Amino acid sequence: MEKTLGALPVVADFCRKLRIADVVDALCPVGDLAELTHGQVIEVLVANRLTSPAPLVHVADRAQAWAVGEAFGIEADLLNDDRIGRALDAIAPHLDHLTGSVGPTAIEAFGVEASRMHWDMTSISLHGAYEQAEQGYAAPRFGHPKDRRPDLKQIQAGIAVTGDGAISVFHRAFDGGAGEVGQVIGAMKALQRLASAQRLLMIGDSKLISYPNLAAMCADGVAFIAPASKTYVPATELAGLDLSAATRIDHVARRDAAKAAPERGSWHVVEDTMALAGPRKKDPVLALRRVFVHSSARARAAAAARAKKLDRARDDLERLQRGLGSRHYPDLDKVTARIAVISRERQVRRALALHGSTKVDGLYAGRPAVPTGRLIFEALAGLRIIPGTGQSPPVIPQPTPVQAHLLDLLDVDPRDLR
């Protein structure tokens, strides 16, 4: 009988070089009568995820169809659901230790350069029913899901990969509501241990930037690269930069590599020093190297996007002009109302700006968020009305605070029906 072999020999060889079973079995030993060690089970699960990813049920059936027994030297029919569950329960309290052991082994076994690490976090939305998370483990919470499912609770995962080969050497699970900014220092400490004696360069997104994070990195001699948000570099500062005073650099984007030189985008940079003060007077002021980068391709793309939005608004206004005097726009009030609709996408943000704010509290999964058309419509979707009768006006049954705030910002009275 033939079985699928696929990449199982490669996975088995790498598991052996990384000593996965040895590390697991040292932390999670089994009794003398056990037919499989926890380490053997975990190696098979690693192979399962890499070669034929599927829900972790009926693993034994897939192991029989694949040459798992031959590749890993075990009896495939021993991989029943209970045995899989026991292995996962056994390693759960030791995950940080396991990842902290396998990562350095990978760096040593394969000669990985570990001085440059890329760090990021993502969310994993959860389905199903459960009472509560076991204490000591990442707890499901509502947050900012990357898959745009704010109706689902989530947990979050942070992962670090090496600049040399993009090899994952560290990961950690976080509560669903944990802020990304607050997890940077813990990740930095763990990555420093992996980098060993080498000076660490940590690369991340804008969540890397906060005074506590940068102060900790500067104090520990950790270099970093991350984009600064408008919180730290306002749009007015960017607008004040002079492109003619910038230095053109010899860089070719990957997307332009096959193009002739005149068709390639150009890149210019301006470098200066930025002073970042802490929240307390006694906090030292950090002197940070700052680089502004201008890409002609991105500039053209941004200009095209702005032109597209203006074209849509222009088309709406032209249709409105053609309809003047018709039954749809018979008077000034109707025309004014339509123009307000065309420009309303920006009205909430402008109203917020008058109060010195950019976000609406509770707008996104119970948290503050910048108002977008989609979020506004989602927030108002549950608004209900009791129609008026006789001399009694219509009644809005207790809108939520978010709904009431949005209606106020939009200057809309939902009882004022046509």
Protein backbone atom coordinates (compact mmCIF):
# COMPACT_ATOMS: atom_id res chain seq x y z
CA MET A 1 0.00 0.00 0.00
CA GLU A 2 1.39 3.37 -1.02
CA LYS A 3 1.40 6.32 1.39
CA THR A 4 2.01 10.01 0.87
CA LEU A 5 5.51 10.96 1.89
CA GLY A 6 5.72 14.58 0.76
CA ALA A 7 8.05 16.75 2.82
CA LEU A 8 7.87 14.54 5.92
CA PRO A 9 11.56 13.50 5.72
CA VAL A 10 12.57 17.16 5.60
CA VAL A 11 10.38 18.04 8.59
CA ALA A 12 11.66 15.05 10.56
CA ASP A 13 15.26 16.00 9.83
CA PHE A 14 14.74 19.60 10.92
CA CYS A 15 12.92 18.48 14.09
CA ARG A 16 15.91 16.32 14.93
CA LYS A 17 18.38 19.17 14.32
CA LEU A 18 16.27 21.51 16.45
CA ARG A 19 16.01 18.84 19.18
CA ILE A 20 12.28 19.49 19.55
CA ALA A 21 11.45 16.11 21.08
CA ASP A 22 14.43 16.30 23.46
CA VAL A 23 13.46 19.78 24.67
CA VAL A 24 9.81 18.81 25.16
CA ASP A 25 10.61 15.53 26.92
CA ALA A 26 13.06 17.20 29.29
CA LEU A 27 10.34 19.62 30.41
CA CYS A 28 7.37 17.25 30.18
CA PRO A 29 8.44 13.67 30.95
CA VAL A 30 6.01 10.74 30.72
CA GLY A 31 5.79 7.49 32.64
CA ASP A 32 7.89 4.45 31.74
CA LEU A 33 4.87 2.62 30.34
CA ALA A 34 3.90 5.36 27.87
CA GLU A 35 4.04 4.21 24.26
CA LEU A 36 4.75 7.72 22.95
CA THR A 37 6.54 10.62 24.59
CA HIS A 38 5.07 14.10 24.49
CA GLY A 39 8.01 15.17 22.36
CA GLN A 40 7.21 12.56 19.72
CA VAL A 41 3.60 13.70 19.57
CA ILE A 42 4.58 17.36 19.24
CA GLU A 43 6.96 16.58 16.37
CA VAL A 44 4.13 14.85 14.54
CA LEU A 45 1.86 17.85 15.12
CA VAL A 46 4.56 20.13 13.70
CA ALA A 47 4.71 17.89 10.62
CA ASN A 48 0.91 17.92 10.39
CA ARG A 49 0.80 21.72 10.34
CA LEU A 50 3.58 22.00 7.76
CA THR A 51 2.48 19.29 5.32
CA SER A 52 -1.30 18.87 5.60
CA PRO A 53 -2.74 21.55 7.91
CA ALA A 54 -6.15 20.60 9.22
CA PRO A 55 -8.06 20.76 12.52
CA LEU A 56 -6.34 18.70 15.20
CA VAL A 57 -8.87 15.86 15.18
CA HIS A 58 -8.52 12.43 13.58
CA VAL A 59 -4.78 12.96 13.35
CA ALA A 60 -4.27 9.19 13.42
CA ASP A 61 -6.25 8.76 10.19
CA ARG A 62 -4.13 11.33 8.39
CA ALA A 63 -0.98 9.84 9.86
CA GLN A 64 -1.98 6.46 8.41
CA ALA A 65 -2.59 8.00 4.97
CA TRP A 66 0.73 9.81 5.17
CA ALA A 67 3.99 8.03 5.96
CA VAL A 68 4.16 9.57 9.43
CA GLY A 69 5.03 6.31 11.14
CA GLU A 70 7.88 5.61 8.76
CA ALA A 71 9.26 9.18 8.89
CA PHE A 72 9.12 9.57 12.68
CA GLY A 73 9.54 5.97 13.82
CA ILE A 74 6.23 5.68 15.67
CA GLU A 75 2.95 3.76 15.33
CA ALA A 76 0.48 6.12 13.68
CA ASP A 77 -2.60 4.55 15.31
CA LEU A 78 -1.37 5.71 18.73
CA LEU A 79 -2.10 9.35 17.75
CA ASN A 80 -5.70 9.34 18.94
CA ASP A 81 -7.44 12.56 19.97
CA ASP A 82 -6.94 11.90 23.69
CA ARG A 83 -3.19 11.40 23.22
CA ILE A 84 -2.94 14.62 21.22
CA GLY A 85 -4.86 16.49 23.93
CA ARG A 86 -2.65 15.17 26.72
CA ALA A 87 0.48 16.31 24.90
CA LEU A 88 -0.90 19.79 24.30
CA ASP A 89 -1.99 20.07 27.95
CA ALA A 90 1.46 18.99 29.07
CA ILE A 91 3.36 21.63 27.10
CA ALA A 92 0.93 24.50 27.75
CA PRO A 93 2.58 25.65 31.02
CA HIS A 94 6.02 25.56 29.38
CA LEU A 95 5.45 27.36 26.08
CA ASP A 96 7.70 30.31 26.87
CA HIS A 97 10.50 27.97 27.92
CA LEU A 98 10.02 25.81 24.82
CA THR A 99 10.14 28.70 22.38
CA GLY A 100 13.05 30.18 24.33
CA SER A 101 14.95 26.91 23.91
CA VAL A 102 14.12 26.02 20.30
CA GLY A 103 14.87 29.55 19.04
CA PRO A 104 18.52 29.60 20.21
CA THR A 105 18.95 26.04 18.96
CA ALA A 106 17.81 27.11 15.49
CA ILE A 107 20.18 30.08 15.57
CA GLU A 108 23.10 27.84 16.52
CA ALA A 109 22.27 24.83 14.32
CA PHE A 110 21.80 26.82 11.13
CA GLY A 111 24.17 29.73 11.74
CA VAL A 112 21.37 32.30 11.71
CA GLU A 113 22.36 35.95 12.10
CA ALA A 114 20.24 37.10 15.04
CA SER A 115 21.28 40.73 15.45
CA ARG A 116 18.33 42.03 13.40
CA MET A 117 14.82 41.04 14.47
CA HIS A 118 11.45 41.99 12.99
CA TRP A 119 8.63 42.13 15.55
CA ASP A 120 4.89 42.34 14.94
CA MET A 121 1.59 41.30 16.47
CA THR A 122 -1.60 39.94 14.97
CA SER A 123 -5.01 38.84 16.20
CA ILE A 124 -6.77 35.47 16.05
CA SER A 125 -10.57 35.64 16.21
CA LEU A 126 -12.28 32.90 18.19
CA HIS A 127 -15.51 30.97 17.62
CA GLY A 128 -17.26 28.57 19.95
CA ALA A 129 -18.47 28.57 23.54
CA TYR A 130 -16.38 28.60 26.70
CA GLU A 131 -16.92 29.78 30.25
CA GLN A 132 -13.64 31.57 30.84
CA ALA A 133 -9.97 31.26 30.06
CA GLU A 134 -7.80 29.29 32.43
CA GLN A 135 -5.84 31.59 34.70
CA GLY A 136 -2.32 32.25 33.52
CA TYR A 137 -3.09 31.97 29.81
CA ALA A 138 -4.04 34.51 27.16
CA ALA A 139 -7.66 35.52 27.76
CA PRO A 140 -10.14 36.11 24.91
CA ARG A 141 -11.22 39.74 24.80
CA PHE A 142 -12.76 42.16 22.34
CA GLY A 143 -10.12 44.29 20.65
CA HIS A 144 -8.98 45.51 17.24
CA PRO A 145 -9.17 42.38 15.06
CA LYS A 146 -7.06 42.29 11.92
CA ASP A 147 -9.76 40.26 10.14
CA ARG A 148 -12.35 43.03 10.72
CA ARG A 149 -14.59 40.89 12.92
CA PRO A 150 -15.26 43.15 15.92
CA ASP A 151 -18.21 40.94 16.86
CA LEU A 152 -15.81 38.14 17.86
CA LYS A 153 -13.48 37.92 20.82
CA GLN A 154 -9.82 37.37 20.04
CA ILE A 155 -6.43 36.53 21.40
CA GLN A 156 -3.26 38.11 20.07
CA ALA A 157 0.05 36.64 19.02
CA GLY A 158 3.39 38.37 18.77
CA ILE A 159 6.09 36.92 16.54
CA ALA A 160 9.70 37.79 15.86
CA VAL A 161 11.60 36.70 12.77
CA THR A 162 15.24 37.16 11.92
CA GLY A 163 16.34 39.54 9.22
CA ASP A 164 18.53 36.67 8.04
CA GLY A 165 16.11 34.35 6.25
CA ALA A 166 12.91 35.54 8.01
CA ILE A 167 13.13 32.60 10.44
CA SER A 168 10.64 32.65 13.29
CA VAL A 169 12.58 32.33 16.52
CA PHE A 170 10.20 33.77 19.12
CA HIS A 171 6.49 34.07 19.72
CA ARG A 172 4.16 34.90 22.59
CA ALA A 173 0.40 34.90 23.15
CA PHE A 174 -1.37 37.93 24.65
CA ASP A 175 -4.85 38.77 25.91
CA GLY A 176 -7.25 39.86 23.21
CA GLY A 177 -7.46 43.39 24.57
CA ALA A 178 -3.73 43.88 25.18
CA GLY A 179 -2.34 47.05 23.62
CA GLU A 180 0.45 46.43 21.13
CA VAL A 181 2.50 49.37 22.40
CA GLY A 182 2.67 47.85 25.88
CA GLN A 183 4.18 44.53 24.74
CA VAL A 184 7.32 45.90 23.09
CA ILE A 185 9.62 45.99 26.12
CA GLY A 186 8.91 42.37 27.07
CA ALA A 187 9.58 41.27 23.50
CA MET A 188 12.76 43.34 23.43
CA LYS A 189 14.12 41.64 26.55
CA ALA A 190 13.44 38.20 25.07
CA LEU A 191 15.05 39.10 21.74
CA GLN A 192 18.12 40.44 23.52
CA ARG A 193 18.64 37.02 25.03
CA LEU A 194 18.44 35.45 21.57
CA ALA A 195 20.86 37.98 20.09
CA SER A 196 23.28 37.10 22.88
CA ALA A 197 26.41 39.25 22.73
CA GLN A 198 25.43 40.93 19.46
CA ARG A 199 23.83 44.37 19.54
CA LEU A 200 20.15 43.98 18.71
CA LEU A 201 18.38 45.93 15.98
CA MET A 202 14.61 45.73 16.48
CA ILE A 203 12.34 46.58 13.54
CA GLY A 204 8.61 47.06 13.89
CA ASP A 205 5.59 49.12 12.93
CA SER A 206 4.39 52.38 14.48
CA LYS A 207 3.32 50.52 17.66
CA LEU A 208 7.00 50.31 18.52
CA ILE A 209 7.09 54.07 19.08
CA SER A 210 6.27 55.40 22.53
CA TYR A 211 8.39 57.24 25.09
CA PRO A 212 8.62 54.26 27.52
CA ASN A 213 9.58 51.87 24.71
CA LEU A 214 12.21 54.13 23.20
CA ALA A 215 13.63 55.04 26.61
CA ALA A 216 14.01 51.34 27.43
CA MET A 217 15.69 50.60 24.11
CA CYS A 218 18.07 53.53 24.42
CA ALA A 219 18.96 52.53 27.98
CA ASP A 220 19.70 48.94 26.90
CA GLY A 221 21.65 49.90 23.78
CA VAL A 222 19.05 48.40 21.45
CA ALA A 223 18.82 50.04 18.02
CA PHE A 224 15.42 50.31 16.36
CA ILE A 225 13.71 51.25 13.12
CA ALA A 226 10.00 52.07 13.02
CA PRO A 227 7.67 54.55 11.31
CA ALA A 228 6.55 57.44 13.49
CA SER A 229 2.82 58.18 13.52
CA LYS A 230 1.30 61.64 13.26
CA THR A 231 1.26 61.70 17.07
CA TYR A 232 5.00 62.31 16.90
CA VAL A 233 5.33 63.90 13.45
CA PRO A 234 2.28 66.04 12.63
CA ALA A 235 1.11 66.56 9.06
CA THR A 236 2.05 70.24 9.21
CA GLU A 237 5.68 69.28 9.76
CA LEU A 238 5.63 66.97 6.77
CA ALA A 239 3.99 69.64 4.63
CA GLY A 240 6.76 72.07 5.54
CA LEU A 241 9.52 69.89 4.09
CA ASP A 242 11.19 71.04 0.87
CA LEU A 243 11.76 68.22 -1.62
CA SER A 244 14.37 70.25 -3.49
CA ALA A 245 16.49 70.33 -0.33
CA ALA A 246 16.38 66.54 0.09
CA THR A 247 19.12 64.15 -1.00
CA ARG A 248 18.36 61.75 -3.82
CA ILE A 249 19.47 58.21 -3.02
CA ASP A 250 20.52 55.38 -5.29
CA HIS A 251 17.68 52.98 -4.55
CA VAL A 252 15.55 50.90 -6.91
CA ALA A 253 12.29 49.47 -5.60
CA ARG A 254 11.73 45.79 -6.34
CA ARG A 255 8.65 46.63 -8.39
CA ASP A 256 10.83 48.86 -10.62
CA ALA A 257 13.74 46.46 -11.09
CA ALA A 258 12.65 45.35 -14.57
CA LYS A 259 11.83 48.87 -15.77
CA ALA A 260 14.06 51.14 -17.79
CA ALA A 261 15.85 53.81 -15.74
CA PRO A 262 13.63 56.73 -16.85
CA GLU A 263 10.50 54.79 -15.79
CA ARG A 264 11.70 53.98 -12.28
CA GLY A 265 10.54 55.85 -9.21
CA SER A 266 12.92 58.18 -7.42
CA TRP A 267 13.69 58.36 -3.71
CA HIS A 268 14.81 61.33 -1.62
CA VAL A 269 15.69 61.55 2.08
CA VAL A 270 16.12 64.22 4.71
CA GLU A 271 17.76 63.37 8.01
CA ASP A 272 17.66 65.30 11.27
CA THR A 273 17.47 64.79 15.05
CA MET A 274 14.19 64.66 16.94
CA ALA A 275 13.86 65.48 20.63
CA LEU A 276 11.26 63.37 22.45
CA ALA A 277 10.27 64.43 25.96
CA GLY A 278 8.77 62.08 28.51
CA PRO A 279 5.41 62.47 30.25
CA ARG A 280 7.12 63.63 33.49
CA LYS A 281 9.40 66.59 33.92
CA LYS A 282 12.14 64.40 35.39
CA ASP A 283 12.15 62.10 32.35
CA PRO A 284 15.25 62.60 30.21
CA VAL A 285 14.73 64.04 26.74
CA LEU A 286 15.62 61.47 24.08
CA ALA A 287 17.61 62.59 21.04
CA LEU A 288 16.48 60.35 18.19
CA ARG A 289 17.74 60.04 14.64
CA ARG A 290 14.89 60.77 12.23
CA VAL A 291 14.77 60.16 8.48
CA PHE A 292 12.08 61.46 6.13
CA VAL A 293 11.70 59.43 2.93
CA HIS A 294 9.92 60.64 -0.21
CA SER A 295 8.94 58.17 -2.91
CA SER A 296 7.80 59.57 -6.24
CA ALA A 297 5.74 56.43 -6.88
CA ARG A 298 3.87 56.81 -3.59
CA ALA A 299 3.40 60.50 -4.21
CA ARG A 300 1.81 59.74 -7.58
CA ALA A 301 -0.41 57.07 -6.02
CA ALA A 302 -1.58 59.49 -3.30
CA ALA A 303 -2.30 62.17 -5.89
CA ALA A 304 -4.28 59.67 -7.96
CA ALA A 305 -6.33 58.63 -4.91
CA ARG A 306 -7.12 62.25 -4.09
CA ALA A 307 -8.09 62.92 -7.70
CA LYS A 308 -10.37 59.89 -7.69
CA LYS A 309 -12.19 61.13 -4.59
CA LEU A 310 -12.55 64.59 -6.08
CA ASP A 311 -13.87 63.08 -9.32
CA ARG A 312 -16.53 61.17 -7.40
CA ALA A 313 -17.58 64.31 -5.56
CA ARG A 314 -17.56 66.28 -8.84
CA ASP A 315 -19.77 63.66 -10.50
CA ASP A 316 -22.20 63.80 -7.59
CA LEU A 317 -22.37 67.58 -7.81
CA GLU A 318 -22.87 67.49 -11.58
CA ARG A 319 -25.74 65.03 -11.22
CA LEU A 320 -27.18 67.28 -8.56
CA GLN A 321 -26.88 70.27 -10.90
CA ARG A 322 -28.67 68.41 -13.69
CA GLY A 323 -31.46 67.53 -11.28
CA LEU A 324 -32.10 71.05 -10.02
CA GLY A 325 -35.80 71.85 -10.20
CA SER A 326 -36.79 68.21 -10.57
CA ARG A 327 -39.05 66.39 -8.12
CA HIS A 328 -35.93 65.14 -6.27
CA TYR A 329 -34.40 68.58 -5.74
CA PRO A 330 -37.29 71.08 -6.04
CA ASP A 331 -36.00 73.68 -3.58
CA LEU A 332 -32.97 75.04 -1.73
CA ASP A 333 -33.48 72.83 1.31
CA LYS A 334 -33.34 69.61 -0.71
CA VAL A 335 -30.25 70.75 -2.60
CA THR A 336 -28.51 71.76 0.63
CA ALA A 337 -29.34 68.38 2.17
CA ARG A 338 -27.87 66.52 -0.81
CA ILE A 339 -24.66 68.56 -0.74
CA ALA A 340 -24.38 67.74 2.96
CA VAL A 341 -24.63 64.02 2.14
CA ILE A 342 -21.87 64.34 -0.49
CA SER A 343 -19.52 65.94 2.04
CA ARG A 344 -20.66 64.01 5.13
CA GLU A 345 -17.85 61.52 5.06
CA ARG A 346 -15.67 64.26 6.52
CA GLN A 347 -18.27 65.95 8.72
CA VAL A 348 -17.79 63.80 11.80
CA ARG A 349 -14.02 64.26 11.71
CA ARG A 350 -14.38 68.00 11.29
CA ALA A 351 -16.84 68.18 14.19
CA LEU A 352 -14.42 66.19 16.34
CA ALA A 353 -11.57 68.52 15.38
CA LEU A 354 -13.53 71.47 16.76
CA HIS A 355 -13.34 69.71 20.13
CA GLY A 356 -9.65 68.88 19.77
CA SER A 357 -10.26 65.17 19.14
CA THR A 358 -9.83 62.67 16.32
CA LYS A 359 -11.65 59.61 17.68
CA VAL A 360 -15.14 58.67 18.85
CA ASP A 361 -15.23 56.79 22.16
CA GLY A 362 -16.62 53.26 21.87
CA LEU A 363 -16.93 53.35 18.09
CA TYR A 364 -14.84 50.24 17.33
CA ALA A 365 -15.36 47.12 19.46
CA GLY A 366 -16.04 49.31 22.47
CA ARG A 367 -12.87 51.34 22.02
CA PRO A 368 -12.09 54.81 20.65
CA ALA A 369 -11.64 54.88 16.87
CA VAL A 370 -11.29 57.33 14.01
CA PRO A 371 -14.75 57.56 12.41
CA THR A 372 -15.04 56.03 8.96
CA GLY A 373 -18.15 55.65 6.87
CA ARG A 374 -18.30 51.93 7.57
CA LEU A 375 -17.89 52.30 11.32
CA ILE A 376 -20.51 55.04 11.47
CA PHE A 377 -23.06 52.95 9.57
CA GLU A 378 -22.31 49.89 11.73
CA ALA A 379 -22.74 51.92 14.92
CA LEU A 380 -26.07 53.36 13.77
CA ALA A 381 -27.38 50.06 12.37
CA GLY A 382 -29.24 49.19 15.58
CA LEU A 383 -30.96 52.56 15.96
CA ARG A 384 -34.74 52.10 16.25
CA ILE A 385 -37.75 54.43 16.21
CA ILE A 386 -41.33 54.33 17.44
CA PRO A 387 -43.37 56.20 14.80
CA GLY A 388 -45.48 59.13 15.96
CA THR A 389 -49.27 58.88 16.16
CA GLY A 390 -51.65 61.80 15.94
CA GLN A 391 -50.09 64.69 17.82
CA SER A 392 -47.43 62.48 19.43
CA PRO A 393 -43.96 62.87 17.84
CA PRO A 394 -41.83 59.85 16.95
CA VAL A 395 -39.65 58.51 19.75
CA ILE A 396 -36.12 57.08 19.60
CA PRO A 397 -35.91 54.37 22.29
CA GLN A 398 -32.76 55.28 24.22
CA PRO A 399 -29.95 55.35 21.63
CA THR A 400 -26.59 54.15 22.88
CA PRO A 401 -24.06 56.79 23.93
CA VAL A 402 -22.09 56.14 20.72
CA GLN A 403 -25.20 56.54 18.56
CA ALA A 404 -26.24 59.72 20.36
CA HIS A 405 -22.73 61.16 20.01
CA LEU A 406 -22.56 60.36 16.29
CA LEU A 407 -25.96 61.92 15.63
CA ASP A 408 -24.85 65.03 17.47
CA LEU A 409 -21.62 65.22 15.45
CA LEU A 410 -23.56 64.72 12.22
CA ASP A 411 -26.12 67.31 13.31
CA VAL A 412 -28.90 64.87 12.46
CA ASP A 413 -32.20 64.44 14.30
CA PRO A 414 -33.45 60.95 13.36
CA ARG A 415 -37.00 61.93 14.32
CA ASP A 416 -37.03 64.49 11.54
CA LEU A 417 -38.33 62.09 8.91
CA ARG A 418 -39.48 62.89 5.41
